[in-house]
Amino acid sequence: MTIKAAYASCLFALLTGLSVAAHAETTASQPDIHQVLSISEESGGALCGIVNSHLTYLDSEGQRHVLDYRKFSSNCLEGS
């Protein structure tokens, strides 16, 4: 999966509200993402399926946050 595809997956999850739980102490419905630091997913073996993913970012004030969400594994083959 390219970084653009991973970033698009994150934005899709954020915009549609799919199992998104921000670990920020805020009441805002959408996180204030100024800079993405990393995107990672838990390895679930070689199987295709839903995995836990983590987006680490800085907000507009420079504070670091981690956003947890669920997505299809990067191990899934396109068109399968």
PDB file of N, CA and C in Angstrom:
ATOM      1  N   MET A   1       0.851  -1.171   0.000  1.00  0.00           N
ATOM      2  CA  MET A   1       0.000   0.000   0.000  1.00  0.00           C
ATOM      3  C   MET A   1       0.895   1.231   0.000  1.00  0.00           C
ATOM      4  N   THR A   2       0.614   2.158  -0.877  1.00  0.00           N
ATOM      5  CA  THR A   2       1.392   3.387  -0.931  1.00  0.00           C
ATOM      6  C   THR A   2       0.965   4.318   0.184  1.00  0.00           C
ATOM      7  N   ILE A   3       1.805   5.304   0.483  1.00  0.00           N
ATOM      8  CA  ILE A   3       1.477   6.269   1.541  1.00  0.00           C
ATOM      9  C   ILE A   3       0.228   7.065   1.163  1.00  0.00           C
ATOM     10  N   LYS A   4       0.039   7.341  -0.138  1.00  0.00           N
ATOM     11  CA  LYS A   4      -1.163   8.060  -0.573  1.00  0.00           C
ATOM     12  C   LYS A   4      -2.417   7.230  -0.302  1.00  0.00           C
ATOM     13  N   ALA A   5      -2.343   5.927  -0.577  1.00  0.00           N
ATOM     14  CA  ALA A   5      -3.496   5.063  -0.329  1.00  0.00           C
ATOM     15  C   ALA A   5      -3.778   4.953   1.161  1.00  0.00           C
ATOM     16  N   ALA A   6      -2.716   4.860   1.969  1.00  0.00           N
ATOM     17  CA  ALA A   6      -2.897   4.785   3.421  1.00  0.00           C
ATOM     18  C   ALA A   6      -3.510   6.079   3.950  1.00  0.00           C
ATOM     19  N   TYR A   7      -3.022   7.199   3.451  1.00  0.00           N
ATOM     20  CA  TYR A   7      -3.542   8.487   3.882  1.00  0.00           C
ATOM     21  C   TYR A   7      -5.009   8.629   3.458  1.00  0.00           C
ATOM     22  N   ALA A   8      -5.337   8.172   2.253  1.00  0.00           N
ATOM     23  CA  ALA A   8      -6.721   8.230   1.783  1.00  0.00           C
ATOM     24  C   ALA A   8      -7.624   7.364   2.658  1.00  0.00           C
ATOM     25  N   SER A   9      -7.127   6.194   3.077  1.00  0.00           N
ATOM     26  CA  SER A   9      -7.899   5.325   3.975  1.00  0.00           C
ATOM     27  C   SER A   9      -8.182   6.021   5.291  1.00  0.00           C
ATOM     28  N   CYS A  10      -7.170   6.711   5.809  1.00  0.00           N
ATOM     29  CA  CYS A  10      -7.342   7.441   7.065  1.00  0.00           C
ATOM     30  C   CYS A  10      -8.386   8.540   6.922  1.00  0.00           C
ATOM     31  N   LEU A  11      -8.280   9.299   5.858  1.00  0.00           N
ATOM     32  CA  LEU A  11      -9.242  10.378   5.650  1.00  0.00           C
ATOM     33  C   LEU A  11     -10.648   9.840   5.459  1.00  0.00           C
ATOM     34  N   PHE A  12     -10.780   8.732   4.730  1.00  0.00           N
ATOM     35  CA  PHE A  12     -12.096   8.129   4.550  1.00  0.00           C
ATOM     36  C   PHE A  12     -12.684   7.728   5.896  1.00  0.00           C
ATOM     37  N   ALA A  13     -11.865   7.105   6.737  1.00  0.00           N
ATOM     38  CA  ALA A  13     -12.338   6.682   8.054  1.00  0.00           C
ATOM     39  C   ALA A  13     -12.739   7.885   8.896  1.00  0.00           C
ATOM     40  N   LEU A  14     -11.957   8.954   8.821  1.00  0.00           N
ATOM     41  CA  LEU A  14     -12.267  10.152   9.595  1.00  0.00           C
ATOM     42  C   LEU A  14     -13.560  10.808   9.123  1.00  0.00           C
ATOM     43  N   LEU A  15     -13.707  10.922   7.816  1.00  0.00           N
ATOM     44  CA  LEU A  15     -14.857  11.630   7.280  1.00  0.00           C
ATOM     45  C   LEU A  15     -16.154  10.848   7.411  1.00  0.00           C
ATOM     46  N   THR A  16     -16.078   9.547   7.399  1.00  0.00           N
ATOM     47  CA  THR A  16     -17.304   8.748   7.502  1.00  0.00           C
ATOM     48  C   THR A  16     -17.595   8.300   8.922  1.00  0.00           C
ATOM     49  N   GLY A  17     -16.660   8.530   9.836  1.00  0.00           N
ATOM     50  CA  GLY A  17     -16.890   8.189  11.230  1.00  0.00           C
ATOM     51  C   GLY A  17     -16.871   6.708  11.508  1.00  0.00           C
ATOM     52  N   LEU A  18     -16.104   5.920  10.757  1.00  0.00           N
ATOM     53  CA  LEU A  18     -16.056   4.467  10.936  1.00  0.00           C
ATOM     54  C   LEU A  18     -15.139   4.085  12.090  1.00  0.00           C
ATOM     55  N   SER A  19     -15.699   3.706  13.200  1.00  0.00           N
ATOM     56  CA  SER A  19     -14.947   3.194  14.346  1.00  0.00           C
ATOM     57  C   SER A  19     -13.746   4.057  14.712  1.00  0.00           C
ATOM     58  N   VAL A  20     -13.946   5.346  14.747  1.00  0.00           N
ATOM     59  CA  VAL A  20     -12.853   6.253  15.067  1.00  0.00           C
ATOM     60  C   VAL A  20     -12.934   6.638  16.535  1.00  0.00           C
ATOM     61  N   ALA A  21     -11.823   6.489  17.241  1.00  0.00           N
ATOM     62  CA  ALA A  21     -11.748   6.887  18.645  1.00  0.00           C
ATOM     63  C   ALA A  21     -10.462   7.664  18.849  1.00  0.00           C
ATOM     64  N   ALA A  22     -10.567   8.952  19.026  1.00  0.00           N
ATOM     65  CA  ALA A  22      -9.379   9.781  19.215  1.00  0.00           C
ATOM     66  C   ALA A  22      -8.949   9.731  20.675  1.00  0.00           C
ATOM     67  N   HIS A  23      -7.647   9.656  20.880  1.00  0.00           N
ATOM     68  CA  HIS A  23      -7.095   9.670  22.225  1.00  0.00           C
ATOM     69  C   HIS A  23      -6.702  11.091  22.621  1.00  0.00           C
ATOM     70  N   ALA A  24      -7.460  12.038  22.186  1.00  0.00           N
ATOM     71  CA  ALA A  24      -7.216  13.434  22.521  1.00  0.00           C
ATOM     72  C   ALA A  24      -8.307  13.882  23.478  1.00  0.00           C
ATOM     73  N   GLU A  25      -7.940  14.729  24.394  1.00  0.00           N
ATOM     74  CA  GLU A  25      -8.919  15.240  25.346  1.00  0.00           C
ATOM     75  C   GLU A  25      -9.583  16.464  24.734  1.00  0.00           C
ATOM     76  N   THR A  26     -10.503  16.198  23.808  1.00  0.00           N
ATOM     77  CA  THR A  26     -11.196  17.268  23.127  1.00  0.00           C
ATOM     78  C   THR A  26     -12.626  16.833  22.850  1.00  0.00           C
ATOM     79  N   THR A  27     -13.504  17.805  22.688  1.00  0.00           N
ATOM     80  CA  THR A  27     -14.886  17.493  22.376  1.00  0.00           C
ATOM     81  C   THR A  27     -15.171  17.740  20.899  1.00  0.00           C
ATOM     82  N   ALA A  28     -14.160  18.085  20.120  1.00  0.00           N
ATOM     83  CA  ALA A  28     -14.347  18.338  18.693  1.00  0.00           C
ATOM     84  C   ALA A  28     -14.742  17.051  17.985  1.00  0.00           C
ATOM     85  N   SER A  29     -15.649  17.158  17.013  1.00  0.00           N
ATOM     86  CA  SER A  29     -16.092  15.968  16.300  1.00  0.00           C
ATOM     87  C   SER A  29     -15.063  15.506  15.275  1.00  0.00           C
ATOM     88  N   GLN A  30     -14.214  16.414  14.798  1.00  0.00           N
ATOM     89  CA  GLN A  30     -13.163  16.050  13.870  1.00  0.00           C
ATOM     90  C   GLN A  30     -11.822  16.484  14.459  1.00  0.00           C
ATOM     91  N   PRO A  31     -10.820  15.609  14.380  1.00  0.00           N
ATOM     92  CA  PRO A  31      -9.519  15.971  14.945  1.00  0.00           C
ATOM     93  C   PRO A  31      -8.846  17.088  14.143  1.00  0.00           C
ATOM     94  N   ASP A  32      -8.047  17.870  14.809  1.00  0.00           N
ATOM     95  CA  ASP A  32      -7.285  18.973  14.220  1.00  0.00           C
ATOM     96  C   ASP A  32      -5.939  18.413  13.762  1.00  0.00           C
ATOM     97  N   ILE A  33      -5.879  17.878  12.541  1.00  0.00           N
ATOM     98  CA  ILE A  33      -4.659  17.251  12.038  1.00  0.00           C
ATOM     99  C   ILE A  33      -3.885  18.273  11.215  1.00  0.00           C
ATOM    100  N   HIS A  34      -2.737  18.685  11.758  1.00  0.00           N
ATOM    101  CA  HIS A  34      -1.884  19.642  11.064  1.00  0.00           C
ATOM    102  C   HIS A  34      -0.766  18.932  10.310  1.00  0.00           C
ATOM    103  N   GLN A  35      -0.173  17.888  10.923  1.00  0.00           N
ATOM    104  CA  GLN A  35       0.907  17.132  10.293  1.00  0.00           C
ATOM    105  C   GLN A  35       0.817  15.666  10.704  1.00  0.00           C
ATOM    106  N   VAL A  36       0.814  14.770   9.729  1.00  0.00           N
ATOM    107  CA  VAL A  36       0.808  13.329   9.998  1.00  0.00           C
ATOM    108  C   VAL A  36       2.238  12.883  10.259  1.00  0.00           C
ATOM    109  N   LEU A  37       2.470  12.243  11.413  1.00  0.00           N
ATOM    110  CA  LEU A  37       3.802  11.751  11.759  1.00  0.00           C
ATOM    111  C   LEU A  37       3.999  10.313  11.323  1.00  0.00           C
ATOM    112  N   SER A  38       2.990   9.463  11.527  1.00  0.00           N
ATOM    113  CA  SER A  38       3.105   8.062  11.115  1.00  0.00           C
ATOM    114  C   SER A  38       1.726   7.425  11.006  1.00  0.00           C
ATOM    115  N   ILE A  39       1.671   6.368  10.195  1.00  0.00           N
ATOM    116  CA  ILE A  39       0.484   5.544  10.044  1.00  0.00           C
ATOM    117  C   ILE A  39       0.952   4.101  10.185  1.00  0.00           C
ATOM    118  N   SER A  40       0.336   3.351  11.094  1.00  0.00           N
ATOM    119  CA  SER A  40       0.746   1.965  11.292  1.00  0.00           C
ATOM    120  C   SER A  40      -0.488   1.094  11.488  1.00  0.00           C
ATOM    121  N   GLU A  41      -0.295  -0.203  11.292  1.00  0.00           N
ATOM    122  CA  GLU A  41      -1.375  -1.156  11.539  1.00  0.00           C
ATOM    123  C   GLU A  41      -0.805  -2.355  12.269  1.00  0.00           C
ATOM    124  N   GLU A  42      -1.640  -2.980  13.077  1.00  0.00           N
ATOM    125  CA  GLU A  42      -1.232  -4.184  13.796  1.00  0.00           C
ATOM    126  C   GLU A  42      -1.154  -5.328  12.811  1.00  0.00           C
ATOM    127  N   SER A  43      -0.099  -6.106  12.883  1.00  0.00           N
ATOM    128  CA  SER A  43       0.042  -7.224  11.955  1.00  0.00           C
ATOM    129  C   SER A  43      -0.817  -8.381  12.445  1.00  0.00           C
ATOM    130  N   GLY A  44      -1.652  -8.861  11.570  1.00  0.00           N
ATOM    131  CA  GLY A  44      -2.526  -9.972  11.907  1.00  0.00           C
ATOM    132  C   GLY A  44      -2.169 -11.214  11.119  1.00  0.00           C
ATOM    133  N   GLY A  45      -0.904 -11.334  10.769  1.00  0.00           N
ATOM    134  CA  GLY A  45      -0.499 -12.473   9.944  1.00  0.00           C
ATOM    135  C   GLY A  45      -0.668 -12.140   8.480  1.00  0.00           C
ATOM    136  N   ALA A  46      -0.729 -13.151   7.662  1.00  0.00           N
ATOM    137  CA  ALA A  46      -0.824 -12.958   6.224  1.00  0.00           C
ATOM    138  C   ALA A  46      -2.273 -12.917   5.749  1.00  0.00           C
ATOM    139  N   LEU A  47      -3.215 -12.930   6.671  1.00  0.00           N
ATOM    140  CA  LEU A  47      -4.624 -12.978   6.301  1.00  0.00           C
ATOM    141  C   LEU A  47      -5.163 -11.601   5.945  1.00  0.00           C
ATOM    142  N   CYS A  48      -6.113 -11.593   5.057  1.00  0.00           N
ATOM    143  CA  CYS A  48      -6.813 -10.376   4.682  1.00  0.00           C
ATOM    144  C   CYS A  48      -7.987 -10.198   5.642  1.00  0.00           C
ATOM    145  N   GLY A  49      -8.156  -9.012   6.159  1.00  0.00           N
ATOM    146  CA  GLY A  49      -9.273  -8.757   7.053  1.00  0.00           C
ATOM    147  C   GLY A  49      -9.177  -7.388   7.687  1.00  0.00           C
ATOM    148  N   ILE A  50     -10.000  -7.155   8.671  1.00  0.00           N
ATOM    149  CA  ILE A  50     -10.027  -5.886   9.383  1.00  0.00           C
ATOM    150  C   ILE A  50      -8.951  -5.899  10.463  1.00  0.00           C
ATOM    151  N   VAL A  51      -8.154  -4.807  10.532  1.00  0.00           N
ATOM    152  CA  VAL A  51      -7.089  -4.697  11.525  1.00  0.00           C
ATOM    153  C   VAL A  51      -7.189  -3.346  12.227  1.00  0.00           C
ATOM    154  N   ASN A  52      -6.600  -3.274  13.419  1.00  0.00           N
ATOM    155  CA  ASN A  52      -6.489  -2.010  14.136  1.00  0.00           C
ATOM    156  C   ASN A  52      -5.357  -1.202  13.531  1.00  0.00           C
ATOM    157  N   SER A  53      -5.594   0.082  13.321  1.00  0.00           N
ATOM    158  CA  SER A  53      -4.590   0.977  12.755  1.00  0.00           C
ATOM    159  C   SER A  53      -4.450   2.189  13.654  1.00  0.00           C
ATOM    160  N   HIS A  54      -3.303   2.863  13.510  1.00  0.00           N
ATOM    161  CA  HIS A  54      -2.996   4.012  14.365  1.00  0.00           C
ATOM    162  C   HIS A  54      -2.417   5.139  13.515  1.00  0.00           C
ATOM    163  N   LEU A  55      -2.964   6.316  13.675  1.00  0.00           N
ATOM    164  CA  LEU A  55      -2.487   7.508  12.988  1.00  0.00           C
ATOM    165  C   LEU A  55      -1.922   8.441  14.057  1.00  0.00           C
ATOM    166  N   THR A  56      -0.627   8.717  13.993  1.00  0.00           N
ATOM    167  CA  THR A  56       0.012   9.633  14.935  1.00  0.00           C
ATOM    168  C   THR A  56       0.184  10.965  14.225  1.00  0.00           C
ATOM    169  N   TYR A  57      -0.271  12.048  14.859  1.00  0.00           N
ATOM    170  CA  TYR A  57      -0.247  13.346  14.198  1.00  0.00           C
ATOM    171  C   TYR A  57      -0.008  14.472  15.196  1.00  0.00           C
ATOM    172  N   LEU A  58       0.324  15.647  14.647  1.00  0.00           N
ATOM    173  CA  LEU A  58       0.440  16.871  15.429  1.00  0.00           C
ATOM    174  C   LEU A  58      -0.761  17.738  15.101  1.00  0.00           C
ATOM    175  N   ASP A  59      -1.328  18.386  16.133  1.00  0.00           N
ATOM    176  CA  ASP A  59      -2.419  19.310  15.881  1.00  0.00           C
ATOM    177  C   ASP A  59      -1.842  20.691  15.563  1.00  0.00           C
ATOM    178  N   SER A  60      -2.700  21.680  15.350  1.00  0.00           N
ATOM    179  CA  SER A  60      -2.243  23.014  14.960  1.00  0.00           C
ATOM    180  C   SER A  60      -1.446  23.716  16.064  1.00  0.00           C
ATOM    181  N   GLU A  61      -1.521  23.205  17.296  1.00  0.00           N
ATOM    182  CA  GLU A  61      -0.747  23.770  18.397  1.00  0.00           C
ATOM    183  C   GLU A  61       0.533  22.988  18.666  1.00  0.00           C
ATOM    184  N   GLY A  62       0.813  21.976  17.844  1.00  0.00           N
ATOM    185  CA  GLY A  62       2.029  21.189  17.982  1.00  0.00           C
ATOM    186  C   GLY A  62       1.943  20.048  18.976  1.00  0.00           C
ATOM    187  N   GLN A  63       0.752  19.758  19.495  1.00  0.00           N
ATOM    188  CA  GLN A  63       0.588  18.647  20.430  1.00  0.00           C
ATOM    189  C   GLN A  63       0.406  17.351  19.659  1.00  0.00           C
ATOM    190  N   ARG A  64       1.035  16.283  20.172  1.00  0.00           N
ATOM    191  CA  ARG A  64       1.002  14.968  19.518  1.00  0.00           C
ATOM    192  C   ARG A  64      -0.230  14.192  19.984  1.00  0.00           C
ATOM    193  N   HIS A  65      -0.900  13.516  19.033  1.00  0.00           N
ATOM    194  CA  HIS A  65      -2.081  12.708  19.317  1.00  0.00           C
ATOM    195  C   HIS A  65      -1.989  11.400  18.545  1.00  0.00           C
ATOM    196  N   VAL A  66      -2.711  10.385  19.015  1.00  0.00           N
ATOM    197  CA  VAL A  66      -2.819   9.110  18.316  1.00  0.00           C
ATOM    198  C   VAL A  66      -4.294   8.831  18.079  1.00  0.00           C
ATOM    199  N   LEU A  67      -4.632   8.548  16.839  1.00  0.00           N
ATOM    200  CA  LEU A  67      -5.999   8.239  16.454  1.00  0.00           C
ATOM    201  C   LEU A  67      -6.056   6.757  16.102  1.00  0.00           C
ATOM    202  N   ASP A  68      -6.894   6.012  16.795  1.00  0.00           N
ATOM    203  CA  ASP A  68      -7.064   4.580  16.535  1.00  0.00           C
ATOM    204  C   ASP A  68      -8.300   4.378  15.676  1.00  0.00           C
ATOM    205  N   TYR A  69      -8.176   3.508  14.680  1.00  0.00           N
ATOM    206  CA  TYR A  69      -9.311   3.202  13.807  1.00  0.00           C
ATOM    207  C   TYR A  69      -9.116   1.796  13.250  1.00  0.00           C
ATOM    208  N   ARG A  70     -10.139   1.278  12.583  1.00  0.00           N
ATOM    209  CA  ARG A  70     -10.076  -0.069  12.005  1.00  0.00           C
ATOM    210  C   ARG A  70     -10.196   0.061  10.495  1.00  0.00           C
ATOM    211  N   LYS A  71      -9.437  -0.797   9.760  1.00  0.00           N
ATOM    212  CA  LYS A  71      -9.452  -0.762   8.305  1.00  0.00           C
ATOM    213  C   LYS A  71      -9.116  -2.143   7.763  1.00  0.00           C
ATOM    214  N   PHE A  72      -9.265  -2.312   6.442  1.00  0.00           N
ATOM    215  CA  PHE A  72      -8.833  -3.552   5.814  1.00  0.00           C
ATOM    216  C   PHE A  72      -7.315  -3.611   5.840  1.00  0.00           C
ATOM    217  N   SER A  73      -6.788  -4.788   6.088  1.00  0.00           N
ATOM    218  CA  SER A  73      -5.348  -5.014   6.148  1.00  0.00           C
ATOM    219  C   SER A  73      -4.669  -4.665   4.833  1.00  0.00           C
ATOM    220  N   SER A  74      -3.437  -4.220   4.930  1.00  0.00           N
ATOM    221  CA  SER A  74      -2.633  -3.965   3.738  1.00  0.00           C
ATOM    222  C   SER A  74      -2.283  -5.265   3.026  1.00  0.00           C
ATOM    223  N   ASN A  75      -2.487  -6.410   3.691  1.00  0.00           N
ATOM    224  CA  ASN A  75      -2.198  -7.718   3.096  1.00  0.00           C
ATOM    225  C   ASN A  75      -3.277  -8.163   2.105  1.00  0.00           C
ATOM    226  N   CYS A  76      -4.395  -7.429   2.035  1.00  0.00           N
ATOM    227  CA  CYS A  76      -5.458  -7.803   1.112  1.00  0.00           C
ATOM    228  C   CYS A  76      -5.022  -7.469  -0.306  1.00  0.00           C
ATOM    229  N   LEU A  77      -5.181  -8.399  -1.215  1.00  0.00           N
ATOM    230  CA  LEU A  77      -4.852  -8.168  -2.612  1.00  0.00           C
ATOM    231  C   LEU A  77      -6.002  -7.445  -3.300  1.00  0.00           C
ATOM    232  N   GLU A  78      -5.668  -6.449  -4.103  1.00  0.00           N
ATOM    233  CA  GLU A  78      -6.702  -5.737  -4.838  1.00  0.00           C
ATOM    234  C   GLU A  78      -7.334  -6.657  -5.866  1.00  0.00           C
ATOM    235  N   GLY A  79      -8.659  -6.595  -5.979  1.00  0.00           N
ATOM    236  CA  GLY A  79      -9.367  -7.393  -6.950  1.00  0.00           C
ATOM    237  C   GLY A  79      -9.641  -8.830  -6.515  1.00  0.00           C
ATOM    238  N   SER A  80      -9.273  -9.186  -5.300  1.00  0.00           N
ATOM    239  CA  SER A  80      -9.503 -10.566  -4.833  1.00  0.00           C
ATOM    240  C   SER A  80     -10.818 -10.671  -4.120  1.00  0.00           C
TER     241      SER A  80
END
